[in-house]
Amino acid sequence: MSRAKRKASSNEPQMQTPSSSQRKKSPGEIPPTIAAEADQHGIATRVEDTDSAPNTPSSSSGRPRNVRFCNENANEVRIIPSVKTTLPFAEQMAKERQAEAEEAQRLQLEEETSAEDFVEGNTIPKCGKIVIGRQYISIDRFVRSDNCKYHFLTHAHVDHIGNLNKSWKSPIYCSELTAKILPIIMGKKAPSSTFLRPLKVGESHMIEPNLFVTVLDAHHCLGSVMFLFEGASIPGGSVLCTGDFRADSEMLARFENDPSFMKLAEVSISKIYLDNTYLDYREANFPEREESAKMLLSKMEGLHDCSVLFPVFKLGREEMLEKVSEHLSEPISTSSQRLAIRKVCGSKRGEFYDEDTTARIRTSLRGAKNVFAALKKMPEPAVTIDISLRGEYSEILKDNLVTIPYSDHSSREEIFAFLSRLRFGEVVPTSAPMELSTAEELMKLSKAVIPSTTPFPRADDVQTIMEERTVELGQTEEVVATPSGLTSPRLNFDFSSLKPVDTSVFRSQGVDLLQYCCVVDLARKFALDSSRSGEYEVNFYDEHGNILG
């Protein structure tokens, strides 16, 4: 090339290639490899403009160190500090966002359910979330955000252990049998057994100085119990939670010979949280379990040449299946979970095997999908026996279905018989909304009415007496119960230091103030001397029963 040409060339503007440190990337640009990796995980990415963040240090390669991750709506969710570690952070972030989304959905469903449960008009909404006191006692409700001091579990059916998992870190009070069954039902998701607090059925237990709970057999399934809460810490007075229960003749007989049920009959209960699953069922009476068993065995006699399938829940109907196995001297194939439950319960009746494909009689989980899957593996002809009142298989199985009427919940007549043995002031439905007329009918069953100070049937404190009618210590008065018009003699106190929440404890034989007032000398007792007619006198006794001067 000539010198002139070279000179001319040197005068032409030269295109300089900026170094990587001088290059300015436009917002939204990101290295293709990182973008591809993030895209695999469903995460949108963009590079933050370094000009808009002048204090952000750059890497030696000139790449901005801040990578902005956005959701589908372009909302930022987190800034990842280093491009080199984008993928591991992205994986972790994706898991966290998924967990947060699931938690938000669960909370939303809870709120929607609460709104749906409320029914306007002459209907009492069901109470699906039983909480006694302010963040005090929660029953069959395991929500960390409730901050309740105590959590109780009535039994191990799936619908009563929602939200409970291995990350649960608070004590759970339940029956001894439920404490054994729960880890089997939940498997790897079960909370640590160190948080389970087994309570013996048929006895009263002190949870804290002013809180006592009596555990009663609920006759619903293995380990199911009712809880009677008593003590000065219970707002409004004693509370009974039935959980799911079956008040059959066997339970009702316990009011005559079981000390825990005899006590229940004498306690003045301010509020009963009642299982009303079948209160409005088309039939007021159900067969006794023994009657259902006889019907089942009679049907089985005609099915010797058929395969037989029993759809069951993970827990329940154990006694019915044991009677079938014993009566026919034949094994039943069932799940490993049910076998494990039999073992911890010490059951020896009947013969059961783990998923034995050669067995003529088998069980499956309830639900059409599970039933059809099990029937496909069984030789024809195959008959399904549904031991329940549900009737959920009548349309899909038709001719190959046998239904045995059976219930682990109380019938209408059984609920009436149960309540007629108790003294209570309010009934709160827990399974379904209740007509106001039905609630009023139930209230008439109480042996002694405890007045309510708020419009029927929800009273926050049934022990409170109308403020304008105060009386002296020891004086009695009649208080009109709103709105039923019924009356009941009550005892009122002018000073709070000695005022108990349950005045029914003041009887002529005396009452131990240790349970009711922490500021009183624990060696003393407070008694009502009935020797004088028309008036009472207060005596204080020492631990030996001697009157203190």
Protein backbone atom coordinates (compact mmCIF):
# COMPACT_ATOMS: atom_id res chain seq x y z
CA MET A 1 0.00 0.00 0.00
CA SER A 2 1.35 3.49 -0.86
CA ARG A 3 2.32 6.00 1.80
CA ALA A 4 -0.55 8.31 0.67
CA LYS A 5 -3.04 5.54 1.07
CA ARG A 6 -1.65 4.64 4.42
CA LYS A 7 -1.86 8.28 5.51
CA ALA A 8 -5.40 8.60 4.28
CA SER A 9 -6.31 5.46 6.12
CA SER A 10 -4.82 6.82 9.28
CA ASN A 11 -7.04 9.92 9.00
CA GLU A 12 -10.23 7.86 8.81
CA PRO A 13 -12.15 7.50 12.08
CA GLN A 14 -11.12 4.35 13.83
CA MET A 15 -13.69 2.00 15.54
CA GLN A 16 -12.37 1.20 18.98
CA THR A 17 -13.51 -1.98 20.69
CA PRO A 18 -14.31 -1.19 24.31
CA SER A 19 -12.96 -3.47 26.97
CA SER A 20 -15.28 -5.65 28.91
CA SER A 21 -14.89 -3.32 31.89
CA GLN A 22 -16.09 -0.38 29.75
CA ARG A 23 -19.03 -2.17 28.15
CA LYS A 24 -22.44 -1.13 29.41
CA LYS A 25 -25.08 -3.81 29.30
CA SER A 26 -28.65 -2.82 28.81
CA PRO A 27 -31.16 -3.71 31.49
CA GLY A 28 -32.68 -7.13 30.95
CA GLU A 29 -29.58 -8.64 29.32
CA ILE A 30 -28.14 -11.74 30.94
CA PRO A 31 -25.58 -14.33 29.84
CA PRO A 32 -27.32 -17.01 27.73
CA THR A 33 -26.04 -19.90 29.86
CA ILE A 34 -27.45 -18.43 33.05
CA ALA A 35 -30.73 -17.52 31.36
CA ALA A 36 -31.08 -21.07 30.04
CA GLU A 37 -30.39 -22.58 33.44
CA ALA A 38 -32.89 -20.33 35.16
CA ASP A 39 -35.47 -21.00 32.46
CA GLN A 40 -35.26 -24.72 33.20
CA HIS A 41 -36.51 -23.93 36.69
CA GLY A 42 -39.31 -21.66 35.53
CA ILE A 43 -37.65 -18.50 36.85
CA ALA A 44 -37.42 -15.25 34.87
CA THR A 45 -34.17 -13.31 35.17
CA ARG A 46 -32.84 -9.91 34.27
CA VAL A 47 -29.57 -8.08 34.91
CA GLU A 48 -29.82 -4.97 37.05
CA ASP A 49 -28.62 -1.84 35.24
CA THR A 50 -25.30 -0.87 36.83
CA ASP A 51 -25.99 2.81 36.16
CA SER A 52 -29.07 2.66 38.33
CA ALA A 53 -27.06 1.06 41.09
CA PRO A 54 -23.76 2.96 41.10
CA ASN A 55 -22.65 1.51 44.40
CA THR A 56 -22.98 -2.06 43.19
CA PRO A 57 -19.53 -3.61 42.68
CA SER A 58 -18.79 -5.24 39.35
CA SER A 59 -16.96 -8.47 38.78
CA SER A 60 -13.59 -8.59 37.10
CA SER A 61 -15.29 -9.77 33.94
CA GLY A 62 -17.40 -6.64 33.84
CA ARG A 63 -20.64 -8.48 34.55
CA PRO A 64 -22.92 -6.91 37.11
CA ARG A 65 -22.96 -8.95 40.29
CA ASN A 66 -26.69 -8.41 40.89
CA VAL A 67 -29.07 -10.67 39.02
CA ARG A 68 -32.73 -9.80 39.54
CA PHE A 69 -35.17 -12.72 39.67
CA CYS A 70 -38.78 -11.97 38.86
CA ASN A 71 -42.05 -13.87 38.86
CA GLU A 72 -44.41 -14.11 35.91
CA ASN A 73 -45.78 -10.65 36.76
CA ALA A 74 -42.29 -9.12 36.60
CA ASN A 75 -42.29 -8.56 40.36
CA GLU A 76 -38.90 -8.95 41.97
CA VAL A 77 -38.63 -11.83 44.41
CA ARG A 78 -34.95 -11.77 45.36
CA ILE A 79 -31.55 -10.42 44.23
CA ILE A 80 -28.99 -13.17 43.86
CA PRO A 81 -25.53 -11.90 44.90
CA SER A 82 -23.38 -13.84 42.46
CA VAL A 83 -23.90 -15.06 38.88
CA LYS A 84 -21.68 -18.07 39.53
CA THR A 85 -24.10 -19.45 42.14
CA THR A 86 -27.31 -18.55 40.33
CA LEU A 87 -28.54 -22.08 39.73
CA PRO A 88 -28.25 -23.42 43.33
CA PHE A 89 -29.87 -20.24 44.64
CA ALA A 90 -32.57 -20.54 42.01
CA GLU A 91 -33.37 -24.09 43.06
CA GLN A 92 -33.61 -23.12 46.72
CA MET A 93 -35.66 -20.06 45.90
CA ALA A 94 -38.06 -22.08 43.79
CA LYS A 95 -38.65 -24.46 46.70
CA GLU A 96 -39.19 -21.61 49.13
CA ARG A 97 -41.61 -19.81 46.81
CA GLN A 98 -43.54 -23.06 46.30
CA ALA A 99 -43.81 -23.57 50.06
CA GLU A 100 -44.95 -19.98 50.54
CA ALA A 101 -47.57 -20.36 47.81
CA GLU A 102 -48.92 -23.55 49.38
CA GLU A 103 -49.10 -21.90 52.82
CA ALA A 104 -50.89 -18.86 51.38
CA GLN A 105 -53.37 -21.11 49.59
CA ARG A 106 -54.03 -23.06 52.79
CA LEU A 107 -54.68 -19.89 54.79
CA GLN A 108 -56.96 -18.59 52.07
CA LEU A 109 -58.94 -21.83 52.08
CA GLU A 110 -59.28 -21.58 55.86
CA GLU A 111 -60.72 -18.09 55.57
CA GLU A 112 -63.03 -19.11 52.73
CA THR A 113 -64.22 -22.10 54.71
CA SER A 114 -64.95 -19.90 57.70
CA ALA A 115 -67.00 -17.56 55.54
CA GLU A 116 -68.92 -20.43 53.98
CA ASP A 117 -69.68 -21.97 57.34
CA PHE A 118 -71.50 -18.82 58.45
CA VAL A 119 -75.16 -18.98 57.50
CA GLU A 120 -77.54 -16.07 57.87
CA GLY A 121 -80.97 -16.47 59.37
CA ASN A 122 -82.19 -19.02 61.89
CA THR A 123 -79.15 -21.26 61.55
CA ILE A 124 -76.21 -21.61 63.90
CA PRO A 125 -72.93 -21.98 61.96
CA LYS A 126 -70.73 -24.91 62.80
CA CYS A 127 -67.59 -24.30 64.81
CA GLY A 128 -64.83 -25.92 62.78
CA LYS A 129 -62.05 -24.32 64.82
CA ILE A 130 -62.39 -25.04 68.53
CA VAL A 131 -60.33 -22.61 70.59
CA ILE A 132 -61.06 -22.11 74.29
CA GLY A 133 -59.97 -18.80 75.76
CA ARG A 134 -57.68 -16.31 74.10
CA GLN A 135 -54.80 -18.28 72.58
CA TYR A 136 -55.24 -20.84 75.34
CA ILE A 137 -56.58 -24.27 74.31
CA SER A 138 -56.96 -25.58 70.76
CA ILE A 139 -58.70 -28.87 69.96
CA ASP A 140 -58.08 -30.77 66.71
CA ARG A 141 -56.62 -27.61 65.19
CA PHE A 142 -52.92 -27.39 64.46
CA VAL A 143 -52.12 -23.92 63.14
CA ARG A 144 -48.84 -22.40 64.28
CA SER A 145 -50.16 -18.87 63.91
CA ASP A 146 -52.84 -19.41 66.56
CA ASN A 147 -50.16 -19.25 69.31
CA CYS A 148 -52.31 -21.38 71.61
CA LYS A 149 -50.67 -22.56 74.80
CA TYR A 150 -52.13 -26.09 74.68
CA HIS A 151 -53.15 -28.36 71.80
CA PHE A 152 -55.40 -31.39 72.22
CA LEU A 153 -56.20 -34.18 69.74
CA THR A 154 -59.41 -36.21 70.09
CA HIS A 155 -58.40 -39.02 67.68
CA ALA A 156 -56.18 -39.84 64.71
CA HIS A 157 -58.60 -39.62 61.78
CA VAL A 158 -57.17 -37.62 58.88
CA ASP A 159 -59.78 -34.85 59.06
CA HIS A 160 -58.70 -34.07 62.63
CA ILE A 161 -54.94 -33.85 62.06
CA GLY A 162 -54.86 -31.33 59.20
CA ASN A 163 -51.68 -29.18 59.07
CA LEU A 164 -49.96 -31.50 61.52
CA ASN A 165 -46.53 -32.59 60.26
CA LYS A 166 -43.00 -33.44 61.32
CA SER A 167 -42.10 -29.77 61.79
CA TRP A 168 -44.64 -29.40 64.61
CA LYS A 169 -42.81 -28.42 67.82
CA SER A 170 -45.54 -27.99 70.45
CA PRO A 171 -46.91 -30.58 72.93
CA ILE A 172 -50.02 -32.49 71.81
CA TYR A 173 -52.28 -33.99 74.48
CA CYS A 174 -54.16 -37.12 73.42
CA SER A 175 -55.10 -40.57 74.64
CA GLU A 176 -52.44 -43.22 75.19
CA LEU A 177 -53.75 -45.22 72.23
CA THR A 178 -53.80 -42.23 69.89
CA ALA A 179 -50.18 -41.50 70.85
CA LYS A 180 -49.32 -44.97 69.54
CA ILE A 181 -51.54 -44.84 66.45
CA LEU A 182 -50.68 -41.33 65.19
CA PRO A 183 -47.08 -42.14 64.09
CA ILE A 184 -48.40 -45.13 62.14
CA ILE A 185 -51.12 -43.15 60.38
CA MET A 186 -48.83 -40.25 59.47
CA GLY A 187 -45.64 -42.19 58.76
CA LYS A 188 -42.67 -39.96 57.90
CA LYS A 189 -44.85 -36.85 58.21
CA ALA A 190 -45.65 -37.52 61.86
CA PRO A 191 -44.46 -35.07 64.51
CA SER A 192 -41.79 -36.31 66.87
CA SER A 193 -43.13 -38.61 69.57
CA THR A 194 -41.35 -36.42 72.11
CA PHE A 195 -44.13 -33.86 71.65
CA LEU A 196 -46.96 -36.32 72.33
CA ARG A 197 -48.42 -36.19 75.85
CA PRO A 198 -50.46 -39.38 76.43
CA LEU A 199 -53.36 -39.07 78.89
CA LYS A 200 -55.01 -42.06 80.52
CA VAL A 201 -58.68 -42.51 79.63
CA GLY A 202 -61.15 -42.38 82.51
CA GLU A 203 -59.03 -40.11 84.67
CA SER A 204 -58.66 -36.40 85.40
CA HIS A 205 -55.28 -34.79 84.75
CA MET A 206 -53.84 -31.49 85.97
CA ILE A 207 -52.32 -29.66 83.01
CA GLU A 208 -51.49 -26.62 85.15
CA PRO A 209 -52.66 -25.50 88.63
CA ASN A 210 -55.91 -23.98 87.33
CA LEU A 211 -56.55 -26.31 84.39
CA PHE A 212 -57.80 -29.89 84.66
CA VAL A 213 -58.95 -32.21 81.91
CA THR A 214 -60.96 -35.40 82.26
CA VAL A 215 -60.50 -37.86 79.39
CA LEU A 216 -63.53 -39.98 78.46
CA ASP A 217 -63.94 -42.77 75.91
CA ALA A 218 -65.73 -41.35 72.83
CA HIS A 219 -66.72 -44.76 71.36
CA HIS A 220 -65.84 -43.52 67.87
CA CYS A 221 -62.65 -45.35 66.86
CA LEU A 222 -59.52 -46.72 68.49
CA GLY A 223 -58.08 -44.07 70.79
CA SER A 224 -60.91 -41.55 70.35
CA VAL A 225 -61.78 -39.50 73.43
CA MET A 226 -63.88 -36.61 74.73
CA PHE A 227 -62.27 -33.84 76.79
CA LEU A 228 -63.89 -32.18 79.80
CA PHE A 229 -61.97 -29.00 80.69
CA GLU A 230 -62.35 -27.57 84.20
CA GLY A 231 -60.64 -25.02 86.41
CA ALA A 232 -60.40 -21.30 87.04
CA SER A 233 -58.44 -20.77 83.82
CA ILE A 234 -61.39 -21.82 81.63
CA PRO A 235 -63.31 -18.68 80.60
CA GLY A 236 -66.98 -19.03 81.49
CA GLY A 237 -66.73 -22.37 83.26
CA SER A 238 -66.29 -26.03 82.37
CA VAL A 239 -66.27 -27.00 78.68
CA LEU A 240 -66.92 -30.40 77.08
CA CYS A 241 -65.54 -31.28 73.64
CA THR A 242 -67.09 -34.50 72.38
CA GLY A 243 -64.90 -34.82 69.29
CA ASP A 244 -66.45 -37.47 67.05
CA PHE A 245 -68.47 -39.76 69.32
CA ARG A 246 -71.06 -42.55 69.33
CA ALA A 247 -73.40 -42.39 72.32
CA ASP A 248 -74.69 -45.93 71.88
CA SER A 249 -76.15 -48.07 74.65
CA GLU A 250 -72.65 -49.10 75.76
CA MET A 251 -71.62 -45.48 76.33
CA LEU A 252 -74.91 -44.54 78.00
CA ALA A 253 -74.51 -47.46 80.41
CA ARG A 254 -71.28 -45.89 81.63
CA PHE A 255 -73.23 -43.12 83.30
CA GLU A 256 -74.28 -45.78 85.82
CA ASN A 257 -70.96 -47.53 86.50
CA ASP A 258 -68.01 -45.48 85.17
CA PRO A 259 -66.67 -42.84 87.62
CA SER A 260 -65.56 -40.52 84.82
CA PHE A 261 -69.03 -40.51 83.23
CA MET A 262 -70.73 -40.23 86.62
CA LYS A 263 -68.62 -37.13 87.26
CA LEU A 264 -69.54 -35.76 83.83
CA ALA A 265 -73.22 -36.05 84.74
CA GLU A 266 -72.74 -33.92 87.86
CA VAL A 267 -70.53 -31.15 86.47
CA SER A 268 -72.18 -27.89 85.43
CA ILE A 269 -70.92 -27.48 81.86
CA SER A 270 -71.00 -23.98 80.41
CA LYS A 271 -70.53 -25.08 76.80
CA ILE A 272 -70.59 -28.34 74.83
CA TYR A 273 -68.83 -28.56 71.48
CA LEU A 274 -71.02 -31.27 69.97
CA ASP A 275 -70.46 -33.73 67.12
CA ASN A 276 -73.76 -33.31 65.25
CA THR A 277 -72.82 -35.24 62.10
CA TYR A 278 -76.09 -37.22 61.96
CA LEU A 279 -78.31 -35.02 64.13
CA ASP A 280 -80.52 -34.19 61.12
CA TYR A 281 -80.16 -37.54 59.36
CA ARG A 282 -83.30 -38.95 57.75
CA GLU A 283 -83.39 -41.78 60.31
CA ALA A 284 -83.44 -40.91 64.00
CA ASN A 285 -82.04 -44.30 65.06
CA PHE A 286 -79.13 -46.44 63.88
CA PRO A 287 -78.54 -50.13 64.50
CA GLU A 288 -76.31 -50.89 67.46
CA ARG A 289 -72.85 -52.06 66.43
CA GLU A 290 -73.72 -55.58 67.55
CA GLU A 291 -76.79 -55.57 65.31
CA SER A 292 -74.69 -54.38 62.35
CA ALA A 293 -72.21 -57.19 63.02
CA LYS A 294 -74.99 -59.79 62.95
CA MET A 295 -76.26 -58.43 59.61
CA LEU A 296 -72.74 -58.56 58.19
CA LEU A 297 -72.07 -62.14 59.25
CA SER A 298 -75.43 -63.21 57.84
CA LYS A 299 -74.52 -61.68 54.45
CA MET A 300 -71.09 -63.30 54.47
CA GLU A 301 -72.67 -66.74 54.82
CA GLY A 302 -74.08 -66.39 51.31
CA LEU A 303 -70.83 -65.22 49.72
CA HIS A 304 -68.58 -68.26 50.12
CA ASP A 305 -67.98 -68.47 46.37
CA CYS A 306 -67.19 -64.78 45.88
CA SER A 307 -64.23 -62.52 46.40
CA VAL A 308 -65.12 -59.92 49.01
CA LEU A 309 -63.74 -56.37 49.31
CA PHE A 310 -64.20 -54.07 52.32
CA PRO A 311 -63.51 -50.36 51.62
CA VAL A 312 -62.30 -48.83 54.90
CA PHE A 313 -60.47 -45.77 56.21
CA LYS A 314 -56.95 -46.07 57.58
CA LEU A 315 -58.51 -46.28 61.04
CA GLY A 316 -61.87 -47.79 61.92
CA ARG A 317 -64.10 -50.90 61.54
CA GLU A 318 -61.44 -53.10 63.18
CA GLU A 319 -63.92 -54.94 65.37
CA MET A 320 -66.26 -55.72 62.45
CA LEU A 321 -63.43 -57.22 60.39
CA GLU A 322 -62.19 -59.25 63.35
CA LYS A 323 -65.65 -60.78 63.77
CA VAL A 324 -65.76 -61.72 60.08
CA SER A 325 -62.38 -63.44 60.27
CA GLU A 326 -63.31 -65.29 63.47
CA HIS A 327 -66.76 -66.32 62.27
CA LEU A 328 -65.50 -67.71 58.94
CA SER A 329 -62.14 -68.94 60.29
CA GLU A 330 -60.62 -67.22 57.29
CA PRO A 331 -57.75 -64.71 56.91
CA ILE A 332 -58.24 -61.17 55.64
CA SER A 333 -55.68 -59.32 53.54
CA THR A 334 -55.18 -55.75 54.71
CA SER A 335 -52.64 -52.92 54.70
CA SER A 336 -49.38 -52.86 56.64
CA GLN A 337 -50.67 -49.77 58.47
CA ARG A 338 -53.66 -51.67 59.81
CA LEU A 339 -51.45 -54.55 60.86
CA ALA A 340 -49.18 -52.13 62.72
CA ILE A 341 -52.19 -50.59 64.47
CA ARG A 342 -53.37 -54.05 65.52
CA LYS A 343 -49.94 -54.70 66.98
CA VAL A 344 -49.70 -51.52 69.08
CA CYS A 345 -53.27 -52.03 70.29
CA GLY A 346 -52.51 -55.61 71.31
CA SER A 347 -55.35 -57.06 69.23
CA LYS A 348 -55.22 -60.85 68.85
CA ARG A 349 -58.67 -61.52 67.38
CA GLY A 350 -58.98 -62.77 63.82
CA GLU A 351 -56.31 -63.59 61.25
CA PHE A 352 -54.86 -60.85 59.06
CA TYR A 353 -52.08 -60.76 56.45
CA ASP A 354 -50.20 -57.95 54.73
CA GLU A 355 -51.45 -57.42 51.16
CA ASP A 356 -51.98 -61.14 50.49
CA THR A 357 -53.06 -61.41 46.84
CA THR A 358 -54.28 -64.97 47.37
CA ALA A 359 -56.75 -64.02 50.10
CA ARG A 360 -60.45 -64.19 49.21
CA ILE A 361 -61.36 -61.37 51.60
CA ARG A 362 -59.45 -58.10 51.34
CA THR A 363 -59.61 -54.45 52.34
CA SER A 364 -58.87 -51.26 50.41
CA LEU A 365 -58.92 -47.58 51.21
CA ARG A 366 -62.25 -45.87 50.63
CA GLY A 367 -62.82 -43.92 47.45
CA ALA A 368 -63.95 -45.08 44.00
CA LYS A 369 -60.43 -45.05 42.55
CA ASN A 370 -59.03 -47.27 45.31
CA VAL A 371 -61.99 -49.63 45.18
CA PHE A 372 -61.81 -50.15 41.40
CA ALA A 373 -58.04 -50.69 41.56
CA ALA A 374 -58.49 -53.38 44.23
CA LEU A 375 -61.36 -55.11 42.39
CA LYS A 376 -59.22 -55.47 39.25
CA LYS A 377 -56.80 -57.65 41.22
CA MET A 378 -59.50 -59.93 42.63
CA PRO A 379 -60.97 -63.04 40.98
CA GLU A 380 -64.54 -62.79 39.70
CA PRO A 381 -67.21 -62.72 40.94
CA ALA A 382 -66.24 -59.97 43.37
CA VAL A 383 -68.59 -58.30 45.84
CA THR A 384 -67.97 -55.02 47.67
CA ILE A 385 -69.36 -54.69 51.19
CA ASP A 386 -69.78 -51.12 52.38
CA ILE A 387 -70.08 -50.91 56.18
CA SER A 388 -71.46 -47.39 56.51
CA LEU A 389 -74.42 -45.05 56.05
CA ARG A 390 -72.77 -43.13 53.21
CA GLY A 391 -74.13 -45.01 50.21
CA GLU A 392 -71.34 -43.59 48.04
CA TYR A 393 -70.92 -46.74 45.95
CA SER A 394 -74.60 -47.42 45.16
CA GLU A 395 -74.43 -45.83 41.69
CA ILE A 396 -71.05 -47.12 40.53
CA LEU A 397 -71.20 -50.73 41.77
CA LYS A 398 -74.94 -51.45 41.77
CA ASP A 399 -75.51 -55.24 41.68
CA ASN A 400 -72.13 -56.15 43.15
CA LEU A 401 -72.62 -54.06 46.28
CA VAL A 402 -73.83 -55.01 49.76
CA THR A 403 -74.46 -52.19 52.24
CA ILE A 404 -74.44 -52.80 55.99
CA PRO A 405 -75.90 -49.86 57.98
CA TYR A 406 -73.25 -48.85 60.49
CA SER A 407 -72.09 -45.63 62.13
CA ASP A 408 -69.30 -44.48 64.42
CA HIS A 409 -71.21 -41.21 64.98
CA SER A 410 -74.25 -40.71 67.20
CA SER A 411 -77.79 -40.84 65.87
CA ARG A 412 -80.32 -38.14 66.72
CA GLU A 413 -81.89 -40.23 69.46
CA GLU A 414 -78.48 -41.08 70.90
CA ILE A 415 -77.49 -37.39 71.01
CA PHE A 416 -80.74 -36.61 72.82
CA ALA A 417 -80.15 -39.43 75.31
CA PHE A 418 -76.57 -38.28 75.92
CA LEU A 419 -77.44 -34.62 76.50
CA SER A 420 -80.36 -35.48 78.78
CA ARG A 421 -77.82 -36.88 81.27
CA LEU A 422 -75.85 -33.62 81.47
CA ARG A 423 -76.12 -30.13 82.97
CA PHE A 424 -75.15 -27.54 80.37
CA GLY A 425 -75.71 -23.96 79.29
CA GLU A 426 -74.89 -23.96 75.58
CA VAL A 427 -74.47 -26.36 72.66
CA VAL A 428 -72.14 -25.50 69.77
CA PRO A 429 -72.26 -27.69 66.63
CA THR A 430 -68.89 -28.80 65.22
CA SER A 431 -69.82 -30.93 62.19
CA ALA A 432 -72.62 -29.07 60.40
CA PRO A 433 -74.74 -25.92 60.82
CA MET A 434 -77.65 -26.36 63.22
CA GLU A 435 -81.15 -24.96 62.98
CA LEU A 436 -81.98 -22.60 65.83
CA SER A 437 -85.12 -24.60 66.57
CA THR A 438 -83.00 -27.75 66.93
CA ALA A 439 -80.61 -25.99 69.31
CA GLU A 440 -83.51 -24.79 71.45
CA GLU A 441 -84.81 -28.34 71.54
CA LEU A 442 -81.42 -29.59 72.71
CA MET A 443 -81.23 -26.93 75.43
CA LYS A 444 -84.42 -28.26 76.99
CA LEU A 445 -82.64 -31.57 77.62
CA SER A 446 -80.27 -30.14 80.24
CA LYS A 447 -80.85 -31.46 83.77
CA ALA A 448 -80.19 -27.98 85.18
CA VAL A 449 -80.08 -24.88 83.04
CA ILE A 450 -77.06 -22.58 83.28
CA PRO A 451 -78.16 -19.12 82.10
CA SER A 452 -76.57 -17.45 79.12
CA THR A 453 -75.94 -13.71 79.07
CA THR A 454 -75.89 -13.30 75.29
CA PRO A 455 -78.55 -14.11 72.69
CA PHE A 456 -78.94 -17.84 72.34
CA PRO A 457 -76.95 -19.95 71.64
CA ARG A 458 -73.46 -18.35 71.74
CA ALA A 459 -72.44 -17.08 75.17
CA ASP A 460 -68.84 -16.07 75.78
CA ASP A 461 -69.21 -16.32 79.54
CA VAL A 462 -72.22 -18.17 80.90
CA GLN A 463 -71.14 -17.55 84.49
CA THR A 464 -71.51 -13.74 84.31
CA ILE A 465 -74.53 -12.30 86.11
CA MET A 466 -76.21 -9.11 84.96
CA GLU A 467 -74.27 -6.14 86.33
CA GLU A 468 -77.31 -4.29 87.64
CA ARG A 469 -78.21 -7.12 90.01
CA THR A 470 -75.36 -7.56 92.51
CA VAL A 471 -75.75 -9.41 95.80
CA GLU A 472 -73.65 -10.13 98.84
CA LEU A 473 -71.44 -13.18 99.29
CA GLY A 474 -73.59 -16.17 100.13
CA GLN A 475 -76.84 -14.63 98.92
CA THR A 476 -78.73 -16.42 96.15
CA GLU A 477 -80.87 -14.98 93.42
CA GLU A 478 -82.71 -16.11 90.35
CA VAL A 479 -81.34 -15.02 87.02
CA VAL A 480 -83.46 -15.08 83.89
CA ALA A 481 -81.76 -16.95 81.08
CA THR A 482 -81.91 -15.13 77.75
CA PRO A 483 -83.97 -15.85 75.72
CA SER A 484 -85.40 -19.13 76.96
CA GLY A 485 -86.93 -17.59 80.08
CA LEU A 486 -85.72 -20.44 82.27
CA THR A 487 -84.31 -19.67 85.72
CA SER A 488 -81.58 -21.10 87.88
CA PRO A 489 -80.36 -20.18 91.40
CA ARG A 490 -76.94 -18.53 91.22
CA LEU A 491 -74.30 -17.32 93.65
CA ASN A 492 -72.58 -13.98 93.11
CA PHE A 493 -69.37 -12.38 94.47
CA ASP A 494 -68.65 -8.69 94.96
CA PHE A 495 -64.88 -9.01 94.88
CA SER A 496 -62.77 -10.61 92.16
CA SER A 497 -60.07 -12.19 94.30
CA LEU A 498 -62.37 -14.99 95.45
CA LYS A 499 -64.76 -15.14 92.51
CA PRO A 500 -64.65 -18.60 90.90
CA VAL A 501 -65.68 -19.12 87.30
CA ASP A 502 -67.77 -22.15 88.20
CA THR A 503 -70.07 -21.44 91.15
CA SER A 504 -71.48 -24.97 91.09
CA VAL A 505 -68.52 -26.07 93.23
CA PHE A 506 -69.91 -24.30 96.31
CA ARG A 507 -71.63 -27.13 98.14
CA SER A 508 -72.18 -27.75 101.84
CA GLN A 509 -69.23 -30.15 102.09
CA GLY A 510 -66.76 -27.42 101.13
CA VAL A 511 -64.52 -26.64 98.18
CA ASP A 512 -60.74 -26.64 97.84
CA LEU A 513 -59.65 -23.14 96.85
CA LEU A 514 -56.33 -24.50 95.61
CA GLN A 515 -58.09 -25.10 92.30
CA TYR A 516 -59.77 -21.73 92.10
CA CYS A 517 -57.74 -18.92 93.63
CA CYS A 518 -53.96 -18.74 93.83
CA VAL A 519 -53.92 -15.80 96.30
CA VAL A 520 -55.59 -17.69 99.15
CA ASP A 521 -53.64 -19.60 101.80
CA LEU A 522 -53.48 -23.09 100.28
CA ALA A 523 -53.89 -24.77 103.68
CA ARG A 524 -57.40 -23.35 104.09
CA LYS A 525 -60.75 -24.42 102.76
CA PHE A 526 -63.78 -22.31 102.03
CA ALA A 527 -67.03 -23.90 103.22
CA LEU A 528 -70.71 -23.07 103.56
CA ASP A 529 -72.11 -24.08 106.94
CA SER A 530 -75.73 -25.19 106.48
CA SER A 531 -76.43 -25.43 110.25
CA ARG A 532 -78.28 -22.11 110.26
CA SER A 533 -81.48 -21.70 108.32
CA GLY A 534 -81.92 -18.71 106.11
CA GLU A 535 -78.28 -17.59 106.20
CA TYR A 536 -74.71 -18.84 105.73
CA GLU A 537 -71.53 -18.25 107.65
CA VAL A 538 -67.99 -18.52 106.36
CA ASN A 539 -65.53 -20.73 108.24
CA PHE A 540 -61.82 -21.18 107.53
CA TYR A 541 -60.18 -24.52 108.32
CA ASP A 542 -56.61 -25.69 108.60
CA GLU A 543 -55.29 -28.83 106.89
CA HIS A 544 -56.61 -30.95 109.79
CA GLY A 545 -60.16 -29.62 109.55
CA ASN A 546 -59.97 -27.41 112.67
CA ILE A 547 -61.74 -24.05 112.54
CA LEU A 548 -59.29 -21.15 112.54
CA GLY A 549 -60.09 -18.38 115.00
